[in-house]
Amino acid sequence: MFASGIVALIVGFLILFGWPDTANWLLGLELGFNFLTTGVALILLGRALQDPVLSASGTMMSSK
């Protein structure tokens, strides 16, 4: 999500200064990149939550 924010800021400044004539494709590119990076971040978060939690001794902890 950090990369998405950085790219959004850069593209926002490019649009603000009128390069390249604030074309519609540039807005679509930014939106597509935002969707892509947010989706990857959510998939990785979901996978991280599915992993079992290990205790300090290295054994699997019970969720009971």
PDB file of N, CA and C in Angstrom:
ATOM      1  N   MET A   1       0.821  -1.185   0.000  1.00  0.00           N
ATOM      2  CA  MET A   1       0.000   0.000   0.000  1.00  0.00           C
ATOM      3  C   MET A   1       0.873   1.260   0.000  1.00  0.00           C
ATOM      4  N   PHE A   2       2.076   1.132   0.531  1.00  0.00           N
ATOM      5  CA  PHE A   2       2.993   2.255   0.541  1.00  0.00           C
ATOM      6  C   PHE A   2       3.352   2.660  -0.884  1.00  0.00           C
ATOM      7  N   ALA A   3       3.629   1.651  -1.728  1.00  0.00           N
ATOM      8  CA  ALA A   3       3.987   1.933  -3.122  1.00  0.00           C
ATOM      9  C   ALA A   3       2.826   2.603  -3.848  1.00  0.00           C
ATOM     10  N   SER A   4       1.617   2.182  -3.557  1.00  0.00           N
ATOM     11  CA  SER A   4       0.439   2.783  -4.173  1.00  0.00           C
ATOM     12  C   SER A   4       0.317   4.255  -3.795  1.00  0.00           C
ATOM     13  N   GLY A   5       0.578   4.568  -2.538  1.00  0.00           N
ATOM     14  CA  GLY A   5       0.513   5.956  -2.088  1.00  0.00           C
ATOM     15  C   GLY A   5       1.563   6.833  -2.744  1.00  0.00           C
ATOM     16  N   ILE A   6       2.776   6.294  -2.866  1.00  0.00           N
ATOM     17  CA  ILE A   6       3.861   7.050  -3.503  1.00  0.00           C
ATOM     18  C   ILE A   6       3.526   7.337  -4.966  1.00  0.00           C
ATOM     19  N   VAL A   7       3.061   6.311  -5.684  1.00  0.00           N
ATOM     20  CA  VAL A   7       2.717   6.493  -7.093  1.00  0.00           C
ATOM     21  C   VAL A   7       1.551   7.468  -7.234  1.00  0.00           C
ATOM     22  N   ALA A   8       0.577   7.396  -6.342  1.00  0.00           N
ATOM     23  CA  ALA A   8      -0.557   8.319  -6.395  1.00  0.00           C
ATOM     24  C   ALA A   8      -0.089   9.765  -6.211  1.00  0.00           C
ATOM     25  N   LEU A   9       0.846   9.987  -5.299  1.00  0.00           N
ATOM     26  CA  LEU A   9       1.377  11.339  -5.101  1.00  0.00           C
ATOM     27  C   LEU A   9       2.134  11.837  -6.340  1.00  0.00           C
ATOM     28  N   ILE A  10       2.962  10.994  -6.909  1.00  0.00           N
ATOM     29  CA  ILE A  10       3.738  11.381  -8.091  1.00  0.00           C
ATOM     30  C   ILE A  10       2.808  11.701  -9.252  1.00  0.00           C
ATOM     31  N   VAL A  11       1.848  10.827  -9.497  1.00  0.00           N
ATOM     32  CA  VAL A  11       0.921  11.053 -10.601  1.00  0.00           C
ATOM     33  C   VAL A  11       0.045  12.270 -10.322  1.00  0.00           C
ATOM     34  N   GLY A  12      -0.319  12.471  -9.065  1.00  0.00           N
ATOM     35  CA  GLY A  12      -1.090  13.658  -8.701  1.00  0.00           C
ATOM     36  C   GLY A  12      -0.347  14.945  -9.017  1.00  0.00           C
ATOM     37  N   PHE A  13       0.947  14.984  -8.703  1.00  0.00           N
ATOM     38  CA  PHE A  13       1.744  16.166  -9.040  1.00  0.00           C
ATOM     39  C   PHE A  13       1.873  16.346 -10.544  1.00  0.00           C
ATOM     40  N   LEU A  14       2.021  15.237 -11.278  1.00  0.00           N
ATOM     41  CA  LEU A  14       2.088  15.340 -12.738  1.00  0.00           C
ATOM     42  C   LEU A  14       0.794  15.913 -13.302  1.00  0.00           C
ATOM     43  N   ILE A  15      -0.337  15.468 -12.766  1.00  0.00           N
ATOM     44  CA  ILE A  15      -1.625  15.984 -13.223  1.00  0.00           C
ATOM     45  C   ILE A  15      -1.770  17.454 -12.834  1.00  0.00           C
ATOM     46  N   LEU A  16      -1.343  17.800 -11.631  1.00  0.00           N
ATOM     47  CA  LEU A  16      -1.434  19.179 -11.153  1.00  0.00           C
ATOM     48  C   LEU A  16      -0.661  20.137 -12.060  1.00  0.00           C
ATOM     49  N   PHE A  17       0.501  19.714 -12.500  1.00  0.00           N
ATOM     50  CA  PHE A  17       1.330  20.581 -13.342  1.00  0.00           C
ATOM     51  C   PHE A  17       1.003  20.449 -14.832  1.00  0.00           C
ATOM     52  N   GLY A  18      -0.029  19.653 -15.159  1.00  0.00           N
ATOM     53  CA  GLY A  18      -0.519  19.605 -16.534  1.00  0.00           C
ATOM     54  C   GLY A  18       0.265  18.744 -17.490  1.00  0.00           C
ATOM     55  N   TRP A  19       1.049  17.788 -16.984  1.00  0.00           N
ATOM     56  CA  TRP A  19       1.775  16.914 -17.891  1.00  0.00           C
ATOM     57  C   TRP A  19       1.155  15.545 -17.867  1.00  0.00           C
ATOM     58  N   PRO A  20       0.912  14.858 -18.870  1.00  0.00           N
ATOM     59  CA  PRO A  20       0.831  15.263 -20.277  1.00  0.00           C
ATOM     60  C   PRO A  20      -0.594  15.689 -20.614  1.00  0.00           C
ATOM     61  N   ASP A  21      -0.872  16.921 -20.425  1.00  0.00           N
ATOM     62  CA  ASP A  21      -2.193  17.506 -20.676  1.00  0.00           C
ATOM     63  C   ASP A  21      -3.301  16.780 -19.915  1.00  0.00           C
ATOM     64  N   THR A  22      -2.947  16.258 -18.731  1.00  0.00           N
ATOM     65  CA  THR A  22      -3.864  15.536 -17.836  1.00  0.00           C
ATOM     66  C   THR A  22      -4.781  14.594 -18.607  1.00  0.00           C
ATOM     67  N   ALA A  23      -4.157  13.703 -19.352  1.00  0.00           N
ATOM     68  CA  ALA A  23      -4.879  12.760 -20.200  1.00  0.00           C
ATOM     69  C   ALA A  23      -5.673  11.765 -19.355  1.00  0.00           C
ATOM     70  N   ASN A  24      -6.773  11.300 -19.917  1.00  0.00           N
ATOM     71  CA  ASN A  24      -7.613  10.325 -19.224  1.00  0.00           C
ATOM     72  C   ASN A  24      -6.877   9.017 -18.976  1.00  0.00           C
ATOM     73  N   TRP A  25      -5.980   8.647 -19.895  1.00  0.00           N
ATOM     74  CA  TRP A  25      -5.268   7.382 -19.709  1.00  0.00           C
ATOM     75  C   TRP A  25      -4.383   7.424 -18.477  1.00  0.00           C
ATOM     76  N   LEU A  26      -3.897   8.610 -18.120  1.00  0.00           N
ATOM     77  CA  LEU A  26      -3.057   8.728 -16.936  1.00  0.00           C
ATOM     78  C   LEU A  26      -3.864   8.483 -15.664  1.00  0.00           C
ATOM     79  N   LEU A  27      -5.075   8.992 -15.640  1.00  0.00           N
ATOM     80  CA  LEU A  27      -5.952   8.739 -14.497  1.00  0.00           C
ATOM     81  C   LEU A  27      -6.303   7.249 -14.397  1.00  0.00           C
ATOM     82  N   GLY A  28      -6.549   6.624 -15.532  1.00  0.00           N
ATOM     83  CA  GLY A  28      -6.842   5.194 -15.547  1.00  0.00           C
ATOM     84  C   GLY A  28      -5.651   4.364 -15.105  1.00  0.00           C
ATOM     85  N   LEU A  29      -4.462   4.783 -15.496  1.00  0.00           N
ATOM     86  CA  LEU A  29      -3.248   4.083 -15.082  1.00  0.00           C
ATOM     87  C   LEU A  29      -3.072   4.157 -13.569  1.00  0.00           C
ATOM     88  N   GLU A  30      -3.283   5.330 -13.007  1.00  0.00           N
ATOM     89  CA  GLU A  30      -3.159   5.493 -11.557  1.00  0.00           C
ATOM     90  C   GLU A  30      -4.194   4.643 -10.828  1.00  0.00           C
ATOM     91  N   LEU A  31      -5.422   4.666 -11.301  1.00  0.00           N
ATOM     92  CA  LEU A  31      -6.474   3.880 -10.660  1.00  0.00           C
ATOM     93  C   LEU A  31      -6.179   2.382 -10.767  1.00  0.00           C
ATOM     94  N   GLY A  32      -5.725   1.949 -11.930  1.00  0.00           N
ATOM     95  CA  GLY A  32      -5.380   0.534 -12.110  1.00  0.00           C
ATOM     96  C   GLY A  32      -4.243   0.101 -11.213  1.00  0.00           C
ATOM     97  N   PHE A  33      -3.216   0.934 -11.076  1.00  0.00           N
ATOM     98  CA  PHE A  33      -2.100   0.603 -10.193  1.00  0.00           C
ATOM     99  C   PHE A  33      -2.558   0.559  -8.743  1.00  0.00           C
ATOM    100  N   ASN A  34      -3.444   1.466  -8.373  1.00  0.00           N
ATOM    101  CA  ASN A  34      -3.969   1.486  -7.016  1.00  0.00           C
ATOM    102  C   ASN A  34      -4.742   0.195  -6.729  1.00  0.00           C
ATOM    103  N   PHE A  35      -5.609  -0.214  -7.651  1.00  0.00           N
ATOM    104  CA  PHE A  35      -6.352  -1.462  -7.478  1.00  0.00           C
ATOM    105  C   PHE A  35      -5.414  -2.658  -7.382  1.00  0.00           C
ATOM    106  N   LEU A  36      -4.400  -2.682  -8.217  1.00  0.00           N
ATOM    107  CA  LEU A  36      -3.455  -3.796  -8.231  1.00  0.00           C
ATOM    108  C   LEU A  36      -2.697  -3.907  -6.915  1.00  0.00           C
ATOM    109  N   THR A  37      -2.117  -2.804  -6.449  1.00  0.00           N
ATOM    110  CA  THR A  37      -1.324  -2.864  -5.229  1.00  0.00           C
ATOM    111  C   THR A  37      -2.193  -3.102  -3.994  1.00  0.00           C
ATOM    112  N   THR A  38      -3.400  -2.541  -3.965  1.00  0.00           N
ATOM    113  CA  THR A  38      -4.304  -2.796  -2.845  1.00  0.00           C
ATOM    114  C   THR A  38      -4.734  -4.262  -2.827  1.00  0.00           C
ATOM    115  N   GLY A  39      -5.014  -4.814  -3.987  1.00  0.00           N
ATOM    116  CA  GLY A  39      -5.400  -6.219  -4.070  1.00  0.00           C
ATOM    117  C   GLY A  39      -4.284  -7.157  -3.613  1.00  0.00           C
ATOM    118  N   VAL A  40      -3.062  -6.884  -4.046  1.00  0.00           N
ATOM    119  CA  VAL A  40      -1.923  -7.705  -3.623  1.00  0.00           C
ATOM    120  C   VAL A  40      -1.724  -7.596  -2.114  1.00  0.00           C
ATOM    121  N   ALA A  41      -1.850  -6.392  -1.564  1.00  0.00           N
ATOM    122  CA  ALA A  41      -1.688  -6.209  -0.121  1.00  0.00           C
ATOM    123  C   ALA A  41      -2.761  -6.974   0.651  1.00  0.00           C
ATOM    124  N   LEU A  42      -3.998  -6.954   0.171  1.00  0.00           N
ATOM    125  CA  LEU A  42      -5.072  -7.672   0.860  1.00  0.00           C
ATOM    126  C   LEU A  42      -4.898  -9.189   0.755  1.00  0.00           C
ATOM    127  N   ILE A  43      -4.425  -9.668  -0.386  1.00  0.00           N
ATOM    128  CA  ILE A  43      -4.156 -11.107  -0.528  1.00  0.00           C
ATOM    129  C   ILE A  43      -3.057 -11.540   0.433  1.00  0.00           C
ATOM    130  N   LEU A  44      -1.984 -10.761   0.516  1.00  0.00           N
ATOM    131  CA  LEU A  44      -0.889 -11.100   1.429  1.00  0.00           C
ATOM    132  C   LEU A  44      -1.344 -11.039   2.882  1.00  0.00           C
ATOM    133  N   LEU A  45      -2.191 -10.078   3.215  1.00  0.00           N
ATOM    134  CA  LEU A  45      -2.722  -9.992   4.577  1.00  0.00           C
ATOM    135  C   LEU A  45      -3.577 -11.211   4.903  1.00  0.00           C
ATOM    136  N   GLY A  46      -4.420 -11.612   3.964  1.00  0.00           N
ATOM    137  CA  GLY A  46      -5.250 -12.791   4.164  1.00  0.00           C
ATOM    138  C   GLY A  46      -4.433 -14.059   4.348  1.00  0.00           C
ATOM    139  N   ARG A  47      -3.379 -14.196   3.552  1.00  0.00           N
ATOM    140  CA  ARG A  47      -2.515 -15.374   3.688  1.00  0.00           C
ATOM    141  C   ARG A  47      -1.764 -15.357   5.007  1.00  0.00           C
ATOM    142  N   ALA A  48      -1.356 -14.187   5.464  1.00  0.00           N
ATOM    143  CA  ALA A  48      -0.637 -14.084   6.739  1.00  0.00           C
ATOM    144  C   ALA A  48      -1.550 -14.449   7.898  1.00  0.00           C
ATOM    145  N   LEU A  49      -2.815 -14.119   7.797  1.00  0.00           N
ATOM    146  CA  LEU A  49      -3.751 -14.443   8.875  1.00  0.00           C
ATOM    147  C   LEU A  49      -4.096 -15.922   8.921  1.00  0.00           C
ATOM    148  N   GLN A  50      -3.892 -16.646   7.829  1.00  0.00           N
ATOM    149  CA  GLN A  50      -4.177 -18.074   7.797  1.00  0.00           C
ATOM    150  C   GLN A  50      -3.048 -18.914   8.379  1.00  0.00           C
ATOM    151  N   ASP A  51      -1.833 -18.372   8.462  1.00  0.00           N
ATOM    152  CA  ASP A  51      -0.702 -19.124   8.989  1.00  0.00           C
ATOM    153  C   ASP A  51      -0.890 -19.380  10.482  1.00  0.00           C
ATOM    154  N   PRO A  52      -0.533 -20.580  10.946  1.00  0.00           N
ATOM    155  CA  PRO A  52      -0.654 -20.859  12.378  1.00  0.00           C
ATOM    156  C   PRO A  52       0.328 -20.019  13.186  1.00  0.00           C
ATOM    157  N   VAL A  53      -0.081 -19.678  14.377  1.00  0.00           N
ATOM    158  CA  VAL A  53       0.759 -18.876  15.258  1.00  0.00           C
ATOM    159  C   VAL A  53       1.660 -19.814  16.046  1.00  0.00           C
ATOM    160  N   LEU A  54       2.956 -19.516  16.077  1.00  0.00           N
ATOM    161  CA  LEU A  54       3.911 -20.333  16.822  1.00  0.00           C
ATOM    162  C   LEU A  54       4.260 -19.645  18.129  1.00  0.00           C
ATOM    163  N   SER A  55       4.450 -20.443  19.163  1.00  0.00           N
ATOM    164  CA  SER A  55       4.863 -19.879  20.443  1.00  0.00           C
ATOM    165  C   SER A  55       6.372 -19.660  20.428  1.00  0.00           C
ATOM    166  N   ALA A  56       6.903 -19.121  21.504  1.00  0.00           N
ATOM    167  CA  ALA A  56       8.342 -18.844  21.585  1.00  0.00           C
ATOM    168  C   ALA A  56       9.152 -20.133  21.560  1.00  0.00           C
ATOM    169  N   SER A  57       8.561 -21.246  22.012  1.00  0.00           N
ATOM    170  CA  SER A  57       9.280 -22.523  22.032  1.00  0.00           C
ATOM    171  C   SER A  57       9.269 -23.200  20.673  1.00  0.00           C
ATOM    172  N   GLY A  58       8.519 -22.666  19.722  1.00  0.00           N
ATOM    173  CA  GLY A  58       8.480 -23.244  18.398  1.00  0.00           C
ATOM    174  C   GLY A  58       7.369 -24.253  18.196  1.00  0.00           C
ATOM    175  N   THR A  59       6.547 -24.459  19.208  1.00  0.00           N
ATOM    176  CA  THR A  59       5.426 -25.374  19.067  1.00  0.00           C
ATOM    177  C   THR A  59       4.165 -24.588  18.707  1.00  0.00           C
ATOM    178  N   MET A  60       3.242 -25.269  18.100  1.00  0.00           N
ATOM    179  CA  MET A  60       2.017 -24.609  17.666  1.00  0.00           C
ATOM    180  C   MET A  60       1.124 -24.316  18.870  1.00  0.00           C
ATOM    181  N   MET A  61       0.616 -23.088  18.923  1.00  0.00           N
ATOM    182  CA  MET A  61      -0.260 -22.707  20.023  1.00  0.00           C
ATOM    183  C   MET A  61      -1.690 -23.090  19.704  1.00  0.00           C
ATOM    184  N   SER A  62      -2.432 -23.462  20.707  1.00  0.00           N
ATOM    185  CA  SER A  62      -3.830 -23.780  20.551  1.00  0.00           C
ATOM    186  C   SER A  62      -4.654 -22.509  20.585  1.00  0.00           C
ATOM    187  N   SER A  63      -5.705 -22.470  19.780  1.00  0.00           N
ATOM    188  CA  SER A  63      -6.568 -21.284  19.768  1.00  0.00           C
ATOM    189  C   SER A  63      -7.725 -21.429  20.740  1.00  0.00           C
ATOM    190  N   LYS A  64      -7.737 -22.480  21.549  1.00  0.00           N
ATOM    191  CA  LYS A  64      -8.831 -22.721  22.513  1.00  0.00           C
ATOM    192  C   LYS A  64      -8.652 -21.938  23.771  1.00  0.00           C
TER     193      LYS A  64
END
